[in-house]
């Protein structure tokens, strides 16, 4: 999950990662995400 959240593509068959990749793509489309990606990653890692 952390790899996908960091921008790597999910491995084949990793459905949880595929769903997360879609979430990350939607987050990345928000103008504020570029400067706050670390905050989002920190909350996910926590």
ModelCIF file with pLDDT and N, C-alpha, C, O atoms, coordinates in Angstrom:
data_MODEL
#
_entry.id   MODEL 
#
_entity.id                         1 
_entity.type                       polymer 
_entity.pdbx_number_of_molecules   1 
#
_entity_poly.entity_id                      1 
_entity_poly.type                           'polypeptide(L)' 
_entity_poly.nstd_linkage                   no 
_entity_poly.nstd_monomer                   no 
_entity_poly.pdbx_seq_one_letter_code       
;(UNK)(UNK)(UNK)(UNK)(UNK)(UNK)(UNK)(UNK)(UNK)(UNK)(UNK)(UNK)(UNK)(UNK)(UNK)(UNK)
(UNK)(UNK)(UNK)(UNK)(UNK)(UNK)(UNK)(UNK)(UNK)(UNK)(UNK)(UNK)(UNK)(UNK)(UNK)(UNK)
(UNK)(UNK)(UNK)(UNK)(UNK)(UNK)(UNK)(UNK)(UNK)(UNK)(UNK)(UNK)(UNK)(UNK)
;
_entity_poly.pdbx_seq_one_letter_code_can   XXXXXXXXXXXXXXXXXXXXXXXXXXXXXXXXXXXXXXXXXXXXXX 
_entity_poly.pdbx_strand_id                 A 
#
loop_
_entity_poly_seq.entity_id 
_entity_poly_seq.num 
_entity_poly_seq.mon_id 
_entity_poly_seq.hetero 
1 1  UNK n 
1 2  UNK n 
1 3  UNK n 
1 4  UNK n 
1 5  UNK n 
1 6  UNK n 
1 7  UNK n 
1 8  UNK n 
1 9  UNK n 
1 10 UNK n 
1 11 UNK n 
1 12 UNK n 
1 13 UNK n 
1 14 UNK n 
1 15 UNK n 
1 16 UNK n 
1 17 UNK n 
1 18 UNK n 
1 19 UNK n 
1 20 UNK n 
1 21 UNK n 
1 22 UNK n 
1 23 UNK n 
1 24 UNK n 
1 25 UNK n 
1 26 UNK n 
1 27 UNK n 
1 28 UNK n 
1 29 UNK n 
1 30 UNK n 
1 31 UNK n 
1 32 UNK n 
1 33 UNK n 
1 34 UNK n 
1 35 UNK n 
1 36 UNK n 
1 37 UNK n 
1 38 UNK n 
1 39 UNK n 
1 40 UNK n 
1 41 UNK n 
1 42 UNK n 
1 43 UNK n 
1 44 UNK n 
1 45 UNK n 
1 46 UNK n 
#
_struct_asym.id          A 
_struct_asym.entity_id   1 
#
loop_
_ma_qa_metric.id 
_ma_qa_metric.mode 
_ma_qa_metric.name 
_ma_qa_metric.software_group_id 
_ma_qa_metric.type 
1 global pLDDT . pLDDT 
2 local  pLDDT . pLDDT 
#
_ma_qa_metric_global.metric_id      1 
_ma_qa_metric_global.metric_value   96.98 
_ma_qa_metric_global.model_id       1 
_ma_qa_metric_global.ordinal_id     1 
#
loop_
_ma_qa_metric_local.label_asym_id 
_ma_qa_metric_local.label_comp_id 
_ma_qa_metric_local.label_seq_id 
_ma_qa_metric_local.metric_id 
_ma_qa_metric_local.metric_value 
_ma_qa_metric_local.model_id 
_ma_qa_metric_local.ordinal_id 
A UNK 1  2 98.00 1 1  
A UNK 2  2 98.00 1 2  
A UNK 3  2 98.00 1 3  
A UNK 4  2 98.00 1 4  
A UNK 5  2 98.00 1 5  
A UNK 6  2 96.00 1 6  
A UNK 7  2 96.00 1 7  
A UNK 8  2 97.00 1 8  
A UNK 9  2 97.00 1 9  
A UNK 10 2 97.00 1 10 
A UNK 11 2 94.00 1 11 
A UNK 12 2 94.00 1 12 
A UNK 13 2 94.00 1 13 
A UNK 14 2 97.00 1 14 
A UNK 15 2 97.00 1 15 
A UNK 16 2 98.00 1 16 
A UNK 17 2 98.00 1 17 
A UNK 18 2 98.00 1 18 
A UNK 19 2 98.00 1 19 
A UNK 20 2 98.00 1 20 
A UNK 21 2 98.00 1 21 
A UNK 22 2 98.00 1 22 
A UNK 23 2 98.00 1 23 
A UNK 24 2 98.00 1 24 
A UNK 25 2 98.00 1 25 
A UNK 26 2 97.00 1 26 
A UNK 27 2 98.00 1 27 
A UNK 28 2 97.00 1 28 
A UNK 29 2 97.00 1 29 
A UNK 30 2 97.00 1 30 
A UNK 31 2 95.00 1 31 
A UNK 32 2 96.00 1 32 
A UNK 33 2 97.00 1 33 
A UNK 34 2 95.00 1 34 
A UNK 35 2 91.00 1 35 
A UNK 36 2 96.00 1 36 
A UNK 37 2 97.00 1 37 
A UNK 38 2 96.00 1 38 
A UNK 39 2 97.00 1 39 
A UNK 40 2 98.00 1 40 
A UNK 41 2 98.00 1 41 
A UNK 42 2 98.00 1 42 
A UNK 43 2 98.00 1 43 
A UNK 44 2 98.00 1 44 
A UNK 45 2 98.00 1 45 
A UNK 46 2 98.00 1 46 
#
loop_
_atom_site.group_PDB 
_atom_site.id 
_atom_site.type_symbol 
_atom_site.label_atom_id 
_atom_site.label_alt_id 
_atom_site.label_comp_id 
_atom_site.label_asym_id 
_atom_site.label_entity_id 
_atom_site.label_seq_id 
_atom_site.pdbx_PDB_ins_code 
_atom_site.Cartn_x 
_atom_site.Cartn_y 
_atom_site.Cartn_z 
_atom_site.occupancy 
_atom_site.B_iso_or_equiv 
_atom_site.pdbx_formal_charge 
_atom_site.auth_seq_id 
_atom_site.auth_comp_id 
_atom_site.auth_asym_id 
_atom_site.auth_atom_id 
_atom_site.pdbx_PDB_model_num 
ATOM 1   N N  . UNK A 1 1  ? 0.826  -1.207 0.000   1.00 98.00 ? 1  UNK A N  1 
ATOM 2   C CA . UNK A 1 1  ? 0.000  0.000  0.000   1.00 98.00 ? 1  UNK A CA 1 
ATOM 3   C C  . UNK A 1 1  ? 0.860  1.256  0.000   1.00 98.00 ? 1  UNK A C  1 
ATOM 4   O O  . UNK A 1 1  ? 0.558  2.210  -0.717  1.00 98.00 ? 1  UNK A O  1 
ATOM 5   N N  . UNK A 1 2  ? 1.913  1.270  0.784   1.00 98.00 ? 2  UNK A N  1 
ATOM 6   C CA . UNK A 1 2  ? 2.782  2.448  0.839   1.00 98.00 ? 2  UNK A CA 1 
ATOM 7   C C  . UNK A 1 2  ? 3.493  2.671  -0.497  1.00 98.00 ? 2  UNK A C  1 
ATOM 8   O O  . UNK A 1 2  ? 3.708  3.813  -0.904  1.00 98.00 ? 2  UNK A O  1 
ATOM 9   N N  . UNK A 1 3  ? 3.854  1.594  -1.172  1.00 98.00 ? 3  UNK A N  1 
ATOM 10  C CA . UNK A 1 3  ? 4.471  1.732  -2.493  1.00 98.00 ? 3  UNK A CA 1 
ATOM 11  C C  . UNK A 1 3  ? 3.501  2.388  -3.479  1.00 98.00 ? 3  UNK A C  1 
ATOM 12  O O  . UNK A 1 3  ? 3.876  3.289  -4.230  1.00 98.00 ? 3  UNK A O  1 
ATOM 13  N N  . UNK A 1 4  ? 2.259  1.925  -3.465  1.00 98.00 ? 4  UNK A N  1 
ATOM 14  C CA . UNK A 1 4  ? 1.258  2.490  -4.362  1.00 98.00 ? 4  UNK A CA 1 
ATOM 15  C C  . UNK A 1 4  ? 1.002  3.957  -4.018  1.00 98.00 ? 4  UNK A C  1 
ATOM 16  O O  . UNK A 1 4  ? 0.893  4.802  -4.906  1.00 98.00 ? 4  UNK A O  1 
ATOM 17  N N  . UNK A 1 5  ? 0.908  4.247  -2.723  1.00 98.00 ? 5  UNK A N  1 
ATOM 18  C CA . UNK A 1 5  ? 0.679  5.628  -2.295  1.00 98.00 ? 5  UNK A CA 1 
ATOM 19  C C  . UNK A 1 5  ? 1.822  6.542  -2.703  1.00 98.00 ? 5  UNK A C  1 
ATOM 20  O O  . UNK A 1 5  ? 1.633  7.745  -2.886  1.00 98.00 ? 5  UNK A O  1 
ATOM 21  N N  . UNK A 1 6  ? 3.009  5.963  -2.843  1.00 96.00 ? 6  UNK A N  1 
ATOM 22  C CA . UNK A 1 6  ? 4.181  6.734  -3.256  1.00 96.00 ? 6  UNK A CA 1 
ATOM 23  C C  . UNK A 1 6  ? 4.260  6.890  -4.772  1.00 96.00 ? 6  UNK A C  1 
ATOM 24  O O  . UNK A 1 6  ? 5.194  7.503  -5.289  1.00 96.00 ? 6  UNK A O  1 
ATOM 25  N N  . UNK A 1 7  ? 3.281  6.335  -5.480  1.00 96.00 ? 7  UNK A N  1 
ATOM 26  C CA . UNK A 1 7  ? 3.220  6.536  -6.923  1.00 96.00 ? 7  UNK A CA 1 
ATOM 27  C C  . UNK A 1 7  ? 3.592  5.343  -7.771  1.00 96.00 ? 7  UNK A C  1 
ATOM 28  O O  . UNK A 1 7  ? 3.537  5.423  -8.999  1.00 96.00 ? 7  UNK A O  1 
ATOM 29  N N  . UNK A 1 8  ? 3.974  4.225  -7.143  1.00 97.00 ? 8  UNK A N  1 
ATOM 30  C CA . UNK A 1 8  ? 4.315  3.038  -7.919  1.00 97.00 ? 8  UNK A CA 1 
ATOM 31  C C  . UNK A 1 8  ? 3.044  2.293  -8.324  1.00 97.00 ? 8  UNK A C  1 
ATOM 32  O O  . UNK A 1 8  ? 2.062  2.310  -7.582  1.00 97.00 ? 8  UNK A O  1 
ATOM 33  N N  . UNK A 1 9  ? 3.046  1.648  -9.474  1.00 97.00 ? 9  UNK A N  1 
ATOM 34  C CA . UNK A 1 9  ? 1.850  0.905  -9.892  1.00 97.00 ? 9  UNK A CA 1 
ATOM 35  C C  . UNK A 1 9  ? 1.655  -0.325 -9.008  1.00 97.00 ? 9  UNK A C  1 
ATOM 36  O O  . UNK A 1 9  ? 2.634  -0.935 -8.577  1.00 97.00 ? 9  UNK A O  1 
ATOM 37  N N  . UNK A 1 10 ? 0.410  -0.694 -8.734  1.00 97.00 ? 10 UNK A N  1 
ATOM 38  C CA . UNK A 1 10 ? 0.166  -1.893 -7.925  1.00 97.00 ? 10 UNK A CA 1 
ATOM 39  C C  . UNK A 1 10 ? 0.612  -3.145 -8.655  1.00 97.00 ? 10 UNK A C  1 
ATOM 40  O O  . UNK A 1 10 ? 0.525  -3.216 -9.881  1.00 97.00 ? 10 UNK A O  1 
ATOM 41  N N  . UNK A 1 11 ? 1.083  -4.123 -7.921  1.00 94.00 ? 11 UNK A N  1 
ATOM 42  C CA . UNK A 1 11 ? 1.488  -5.390 -8.526  1.00 94.00 ? 11 UNK A CA 1 
ATOM 43  C C  . UNK A 1 11 ? 0.257  -6.125 -9.042  1.00 94.00 ? 11 UNK A C  1 
ATOM 44  O O  . UNK A 1 11 ? -0.842 -5.895 -8.538  1.00 94.00 ? 11 UNK A O  1 
ATOM 45  N N  . UNK A 1 12 ? 0.409  -7.006 -10.035 1.00 94.00 ? 12 UNK A N  1 
ATOM 46  C CA . UNK A 1 12 ? -0.727 -7.755 -10.579 1.00 94.00 ? 12 UNK A CA 1 
ATOM 47  C C  . UNK A 1 12 ? -1.467 -8.531 -9.477  1.00 94.00 ? 12 UNK A C  1 
ATOM 48  O O  . UNK A 1 12 ? -0.848 -9.201 -8.651  1.00 94.00 ? 12 UNK A O  1 
ATOM 49  N N  . UNK A 1 13 ? -2.775 -8.429 -9.485  1.00 94.00 ? 13 UNK A N  1 
ATOM 50  C CA . UNK A 1 13 ? -3.576 -9.144 -8.509  1.00 94.00 ? 13 UNK A CA 1 
ATOM 51  C C  . UNK A 1 13 ? -3.722 -8.451 -7.173  1.00 94.00 ? 13 UNK A C  1 
ATOM 52  O O  . UNK A 1 13 ? -4.428 -8.951 -6.297  1.00 94.00 ? 13 UNK A O  1 
ATOM 53  N N  . UNK A 1 14 ? -3.073 -7.310 -6.994  1.00 97.00 ? 14 UNK A N  1 
ATOM 54  C CA . UNK A 1 14 ? -3.143 -6.595 -5.712  1.00 97.00 ? 14 UNK A CA 1 
ATOM 55  C C  . UNK A 1 14 ? -4.323 -5.616 -5.772  1.00 97.00 ? 14 UNK A C  1 
ATOM 56  O O  . UNK A 1 14 ? -4.149 -4.425 -6.028  1.00 97.00 ? 14 UNK A O  1 
ATOM 57  N N  . UNK A 1 15 ? -5.513 -6.144 -5.533  1.00 97.00 ? 15 UNK A N  1 
ATOM 58  C CA . UNK A 1 15 ? -6.729 -5.344 -5.682  1.00 97.00 ? 15 UNK A CA 1 
ATOM 59  C C  . UNK A 1 15 ? -6.770 -4.170 -4.713  1.00 97.00 ? 15 UNK A C  1 
ATOM 60  O O  . UNK A 1 15 ? -7.234 -3.085 -5.063  1.00 97.00 ? 15 UNK A O  1 
ATOM 61  N N  . UNK A 1 16 ? -6.285 -4.388 -3.501  1.00 98.00 ? 16 UNK A N  1 
ATOM 62  C CA . UNK A 1 16 ? -6.265 -3.298 -2.532  1.00 98.00 ? 16 UNK A CA 1 
ATOM 63  C C  . UNK A 1 16 ? -5.417 -2.141 -3.058  1.00 98.00 ? 16 UNK A C  1 
ATOM 64  O O  . UNK A 1 16 ? -5.781 -0.973 -2.914  1.00 98.00 ? 16 UNK A O  1 
ATOM 65  N N  . UNK A 1 17 ? -4.286 -2.481 -3.665  1.00 98.00 ? 17 UNK A N  1 
ATOM 66  C CA . UNK A 1 17 ? -3.431 -1.464 -4.257  1.00 98.00 ? 17 UNK A CA 1 
ATOM 67  C C  . UNK A 1 17 ? -4.068 -0.802 -5.463  1.00 98.00 ? 17 UNK A C  1 
ATOM 68  O O  . UNK A 1 17 ? -3.874 0.392  -5.692  1.00 98.00 ? 17 UNK A O  1 
ATOM 69  N N  . UNK A 1 18 ? -4.829 -1.568 -6.237  1.00 98.00 ? 18 UNK A N  1 
ATOM 70  C CA . UNK A 1 18 ? -5.497 -0.999 -7.413  1.00 98.00 ? 18 UNK A CA 1 
ATOM 71  C C  . UNK A 1 18 ? -6.535 0.039  -6.985  1.00 98.00 ? 18 UNK A C  1 
ATOM 72  O O  . UNK A 1 18 ? -6.643 1.104  -7.593  1.00 98.00 ? 18 UNK A O  1 
ATOM 73  N N  . UNK A 1 19 ? -7.289 -0.275 -5.947  1.00 98.00 ? 19 UNK A N  1 
ATOM 74  C CA . UNK A 1 19 ? -8.265 0.683  -5.410  1.00 98.00 ? 19 UNK A CA 1 
ATOM 75  C C  . UNK A 1 19 ? -7.532 1.921  -4.888  1.00 98.00 ? 19 UNK A C  1 
ATOM 76  O O  . UNK A 1 19 ? -7.947 3.050  -5.153  1.00 98.00 ? 19 UNK A O  1 
ATOM 77  N N  . UNK A 1 20 ? -6.444 1.707  -4.148  1.00 98.00 ? 20 UNK A N  1 
ATOM 78  C CA . UNK A 1 20 ? -5.678 2.829  -3.601  1.00 98.00 ? 20 UNK A CA 1 
ATOM 79  C C  . UNK A 1 20 ? -5.078 3.685  -4.721  1.00 98.00 ? 20 UNK A C  1 
ATOM 80  O O  . UNK A 1 20 ? -5.022 4.909  -4.599  1.00 98.00 ? 20 UNK A O  1 
ATOM 81  N N  . UNK A 1 21 ? -4.639 3.064  -5.787  1.00 98.00 ? 21 UNK A N  1 
ATOM 82  C CA . UNK A 1 21 ? -4.085 3.823  -6.908  1.00 98.00 ? 21 UNK A CA 1 
ATOM 83  C C  . UNK A 1 21 ? -5.123 4.789  -7.473  1.00 98.00 ? 21 UNK A C  1 
ATOM 84  O O  . UNK A 1 21 ? -4.797 5.916  -7.845  1.00 98.00 ? 21 UNK A O  1 
ATOM 85  N N  . UNK A 1 22 ? -6.369 4.339  -7.534  1.00 98.00 ? 22 UNK A N  1 
ATOM 86  C CA . UNK A 1 22 ? -7.432 5.228  -7.988  1.00 98.00 ? 22 UNK A CA 1 
ATOM 87  C C  . UNK A 1 22 ? -7.649 6.387  -7.038  1.00 98.00 ? 22 UNK A C  1 
ATOM 88  O O  . UNK A 1 22 ? -7.863 7.521  -7.465  1.00 98.00 ? 22 UNK A O  1 
ATOM 89  N N  . UNK A 1 23 ? -7.593 6.096  -5.733  1.00 98.00 ? 23 UNK A N  1 
ATOM 90  C CA . UNK A 1 23 ? -7.715 7.167  -4.742  1.00 98.00 ? 23 UNK A CA 1 
ATOM 91  C C  . UNK A 1 23 ? -6.574 8.169  -4.872  1.00 98.00 ? 23 UNK A C  1 
ATOM 92  O O  . UNK A 1 23 ? -6.782 9.382  -4.833  1.00 98.00 ? 23 UNK A O  1 
ATOM 93  N N  . UNK A 1 24 ? -5.362 7.635  -5.027  1.00 98.00 ? 24 UNK A N  1 
ATOM 94  C CA . UNK A 1 24 ? -4.208 8.530  -5.139  1.00 98.00 ? 24 UNK A CA 1 
ATOM 95  C C  . UNK A 1 24 ? -4.321 9.402  -6.391  1.00 98.00 ? 24 UNK A C  1 
ATOM 96  O O  . UNK A 1 24 ? -3.986 10.586 -6.351  1.00 98.00 ? 24 UNK A O  1 
ATOM 97  N N  . UNK A 1 25 ? -4.784 8.833  -7.486  1.00 98.00 ? 25 UNK A N  1 
ATOM 98  C CA . UNK A 1 25 ? -4.949 9.604  -8.711  1.00 98.00 ? 25 UNK A CA 1 
ATOM 99  C C  . UNK A 1 25 ? -5.939 10.739 -8.504  1.00 98.00 ? 25 UNK A C  1 
ATOM 100 O O  . UNK A 1 25 ? -5.733 11.847 -8.999  1.00 98.00 ? 25 UNK A O  1 
ATOM 101 N N  . UNK A 1 26 ? -7.015 10.464 -7.771  1.00 97.00 ? 26 UNK A N  1 
ATOM 102 C CA . UNK A 1 26 ? -7.988 11.525 -7.507  1.00 97.00 ? 26 UNK A CA 1 
ATOM 103 C C  . UNK A 1 26 ? -7.394 12.587 -6.588  1.00 97.00 ? 26 UNK A C  1 
ATOM 104 O O  . UNK A 1 26 ? -7.631 13.779 -6.783  1.00 97.00 ? 26 UNK A O  1 
ATOM 105 N N  . UNK A 1 27 ? -6.628 12.164 -5.594  1.00 98.00 ? 27 UNK A N  1 
ATOM 106 C CA . UNK A 1 27 ? -5.949 13.136 -4.738  1.00 98.00 ? 27 UNK A CA 1 
ATOM 107 C C  . UNK A 1 27 ? -4.965 13.976 -5.539  1.00 98.00 ? 27 UNK A C  1 
ATOM 108 O O  . UNK A 1 27 ? -4.904 15.194 -5.369  1.00 98.00 ? 27 UNK A O  1 
ATOM 109 N N  . UNK A 1 28 ? -4.199 13.337 -6.408  1.00 97.00 ? 28 UNK A N  1 
ATOM 110 C CA . UNK A 1 28 ? -3.176 14.042 -7.189  1.00 97.00 ? 28 UNK A CA 1 
ATOM 111 C C  . UNK A 1 28 ? -3.785 15.061 -8.138  1.00 97.00 ? 28 UNK A C  1 
ATOM 112 O O  . UNK A 1 28 ? -3.103 16.002 -8.545  1.00 97.00 ? 28 UNK A O  1 
ATOM 113 N N  . UNK A 1 29 ? -5.045 14.896 -8.498  1.00 97.00 ? 29 UNK A N  1 
ATOM 114 C CA . UNK A 1 29 ? -5.708 15.847 -9.377  1.00 97.00 ? 29 UNK A CA 1 
ATOM 115 C C  . UNK A 1 29 ? -6.078 17.139 -8.652  1.00 97.00 ? 29 UNK A C  1 
ATOM 116 O O  . UNK A 1 29 ? -6.386 18.143 -9.293  1.00 97.00 ? 29 UNK A O  1 
ATOM 117 N N  . UNK A 1 30 ? -6.050 17.118 -7.317  1.00 97.00 ? 30 UNK A N  1 
ATOM 118 C CA . UNK A 1 30 ? -6.357 18.318 -6.544  1.00 97.00 ? 30 UNK A CA 1 
ATOM 119 C C  . UNK A 1 30 ? -5.140 19.247 -6.543  1.00 97.00 ? 30 UNK A C  1 
ATOM 120 O O  . UNK A 1 30 ? -4.021 18.775 -6.343  1.00 97.00 ? 30 UNK A O  1 
ATOM 121 N N  . UNK A 1 31 ? -5.324 20.542 -6.758  1.00 95.00 ? 31 UNK A N  1 
ATOM 122 C CA . UNK A 1 31 ? -4.190 21.464 -6.811  1.00 95.00 ? 31 UNK A CA 1 
ATOM 123 C C  . UNK A 1 31 ? -3.334 21.454 -5.550  1.00 95.00 ? 31 UNK A C  1 
ATOM 124 O O  . UNK A 1 31 ? -2.125 21.671 -5.628  1.00 95.00 ? 31 UNK A O  1 
ATOM 125 N N  . UNK A 1 32 ? -3.940 21.206 -4.386  1.00 96.00 ? 32 UNK A N  1 
ATOM 126 C CA . UNK A 1 32 ? -3.197 21.284 -3.119  1.00 96.00 ? 32 UNK A CA 1 
ATOM 127 C C  . UNK A 1 32 ? -2.330 20.064 -2.854  1.00 96.00 ? 32 UNK A C  1 
ATOM 128 O O  . UNK A 1 32 ? -1.475 20.096 -1.968  1.00 96.00 ? 32 UNK A O  1 
ATOM 129 N N  . UNK A 1 33 ? -2.536 18.992 -3.606  1.00 97.00 ? 33 UNK A N  1 
ATOM 130 C CA . UNK A 1 33 ? -1.855 17.746 -3.256  1.00 97.00 ? 33 UNK A CA 1 
ATOM 131 C C  . UNK A 1 33 ? -0.344 17.830 -3.456  1.00 97.00 ? 33 UNK A C  1 
ATOM 132 O O  . UNK A 1 33 ? 0.416  17.269 -2.667  1.00 97.00 ? 33 UNK A O  1 
ATOM 133 N N  . UNK A 1 34 ? 0.096  18.524 -4.498  1.00 95.00 ? 34 UNK A N  1 
ATOM 134 C CA . UNK A 1 34 ? 1.530  18.565 -4.818  1.00 95.00 ? 34 UNK A CA 1 
ATOM 135 C C  . UNK A 1 34 ? 2.360  19.066 -3.647  1.00 95.00 ? 34 UNK A C  1 
ATOM 136 O O  . UNK A 1 34 ? 3.475  18.588 -3.438  1.00 95.00 ? 34 UNK A O  1 
ATOM 137 N N  . UNK A 1 35 ? 1.850  20.006 -2.888  1.00 91.00 ? 35 UNK A N  1 
ATOM 138 C CA . UNK A 1 35 ? 2.609  20.521 -1.759  1.00 91.00 ? 35 UNK A CA 1 
ATOM 139 C C  . UNK A 1 35 ? 2.324  19.830 -0.447  1.00 91.00 ? 35 UNK A C  1 
ATOM 140 O O  . UNK A 1 35 ? 2.937  20.139 0.575   1.00 91.00 ? 35 UNK A O  1 
ATOM 141 N N  . UNK A 1 36 ? 1.381  18.881 -0.476  1.00 96.00 ? 36 UNK A N  1 
ATOM 142 C CA . UNK A 1 36 ? 0.974  18.251 0.787   1.00 96.00 ? 36 UNK A CA 1 
ATOM 143 C C  . UNK A 1 36 ? 0.922  16.728 0.691   1.00 96.00 ? 36 UNK A C  1 
ATOM 144 O O  . UNK A 1 36 ? 0.311  16.063 1.528   1.00 96.00 ? 36 UNK A O  1 
ATOM 145 N N  . UNK A 1 37 ? 1.556  16.199 -0.317  1.00 97.00 ? 37 UNK A N  1 
ATOM 146 C CA . UNK A 1 37 ? 1.591  14.754 -0.487  1.00 97.00 ? 37 UNK A CA 1 
ATOM 147 C C  . UNK A 1 37 ? 2.205  14.066 0.724   1.00 97.00 ? 37 UNK A C  1 
ATOM 148 O O  . UNK A 1 37 ? 1.763  12.985 1.114   1.00 97.00 ? 37 UNK A O  1 
ATOM 149 N N  . UNK A 1 38 ? 3.230  14.689 1.327   1.00 96.00 ? 38 UNK A N  1 
ATOM 150 C CA . UNK A 1 38 ? 3.888  14.095 2.496   1.00 96.00 ? 38 UNK A CA 1 
ATOM 151 C C  . UNK A 1 38 ? 2.911  13.978 3.658   1.00 96.00 ? 38 UNK A C  1 
ATOM 152 O O  . UNK A 1 38 ? 2.927  12.980 4.377   1.00 96.00 ? 38 UNK A O  1 
ATOM 153 N N  . UNK A 1 39 ? 2.059  14.986 3.853   1.00 97.00 ? 39 UNK A N  1 
ATOM 154 C CA . UNK A 1 39 ? 1.069  14.927 4.933   1.00 97.00 ? 39 UNK A CA 1 
ATOM 155 C C  . UNK A 1 39 ? 0.096  13.775 4.717   1.00 97.00 ? 39 UNK A C  1 
ATOM 156 O O  . UNK A 1 39 ? -0.268 13.065 5.654   1.00 97.00 ? 39 UNK A O  1 
ATOM 157 N N  . UNK A 1 40 ? -0.317 13.603 3.467   1.00 98.00 ? 40 UNK A N  1 
ATOM 158 C CA . UNK A 1 40 ? -1.227 12.506 3.138   1.00 98.00 ? 40 UNK A CA 1 
ATOM 159 C C  . UNK A 1 40 ? -0.549 11.157 3.370   1.00 98.00 ? 40 UNK A C  1 
ATOM 160 O O  . UNK A 1 40 ? -1.145 10.244 3.942   1.00 98.00 ? 40 UNK A O  1 
ATOM 161 N N  . UNK A 1 41 ? 0.697  11.039 2.921   1.00 98.00 ? 41 UNK A N  1 
ATOM 162 C CA . UNK A 1 41 ? 1.451  9.799  3.116   1.00 98.00 ? 41 UNK A CA 1 
ATOM 163 C C  . UNK A 1 41 ? 1.670  9.512  4.596   1.00 98.00 ? 41 UNK A C  1 
ATOM 164 O O  . UNK A 1 41 ? 1.577  8.363  5.028   1.00 98.00 ? 41 UNK A O  1 
ATOM 165 N N  . UNK A 1 42 ? 1.960  10.549 5.372   1.00 98.00 ? 42 UNK A N  1 
ATOM 166 C CA . UNK A 1 42 ? 2.178  10.359 6.804   1.00 98.00 ? 42 UNK A CA 1 
ATOM 167 C C  . UNK A 1 42 ? 0.913  9.834  7.486   1.00 98.00 ? 42 UNK A C  1 
ATOM 168 O O  . UNK A 1 42 ? 0.977  8.938  8.328   1.00 98.00 ? 42 UNK A O  1 
ATOM 169 N N  . UNK A 1 43 ? -0.231 10.399 7.114   1.00 98.00 ? 43 UNK A N  1 
ATOM 170 C CA . UNK A 1 43 ? -1.487 9.947  7.714   1.00 98.00 ? 43 UNK A CA 1 
ATOM 171 C C  . UNK A 1 43 ? -1.783 8.501  7.338   1.00 98.00 ? 43 UNK A C  1 
ATOM 172 O O  . UNK A 1 43 ? -2.245 7.721  8.171   1.00 98.00 ? 43 UNK A O  1 
ATOM 173 N N  . UNK A 1 44 ? -1.518 8.146  6.090   1.00 98.00 ? 44 UNK A N  1 
ATOM 174 C CA . UNK A 1 44 ? -1.708 6.759  5.661   1.00 98.00 ? 44 UNK A CA 1 
ATOM 175 C C  . UNK A 1 44 ? -0.754 5.831  6.384   1.00 98.00 ? 44 UNK A C  1 
ATOM 176 O O  . UNK A 1 44 ? -1.161 4.775  6.868   1.00 98.00 ? 44 UNK A O  1 
ATOM 177 N N  . UNK A 1 45 ? 0.513  6.215  6.463   1.00 98.00 ? 45 UNK A N  1 
ATOM 178 C CA . UNK A 1 45 ? 1.501  5.366  7.146   1.00 98.00 ? 45 UNK A CA 1 
ATOM 179 C C  . UNK A 1 45 ? 1.136  5.190  8.620   1.00 98.00 ? 45 UNK A C  1 
ATOM 180 O O  . UNK A 1 45 ? 1.250  4.089  9.161   1.00 98.00 ? 45 UNK A O  1 
ATOM 181 N N  . UNK A 1 46 ? 0.702  6.257  9.264   1.00 98.00 ? 46 UNK A N  1 
ATOM 182 C CA . UNK A 1 46 ? 0.294  6.158  10.667  1.00 98.00 ? 46 UNK A CA 1 
ATOM 183 C C  . UNK A 1 46 ? -0.840 5.155  10.837  1.00 98.00 ? 46 UNK A C  1 
ATOM 184 O O  . UNK A 1 46 ? -1.312 4.941  11.953  1.00 98.00 ? 46 UNK A O  1 
#
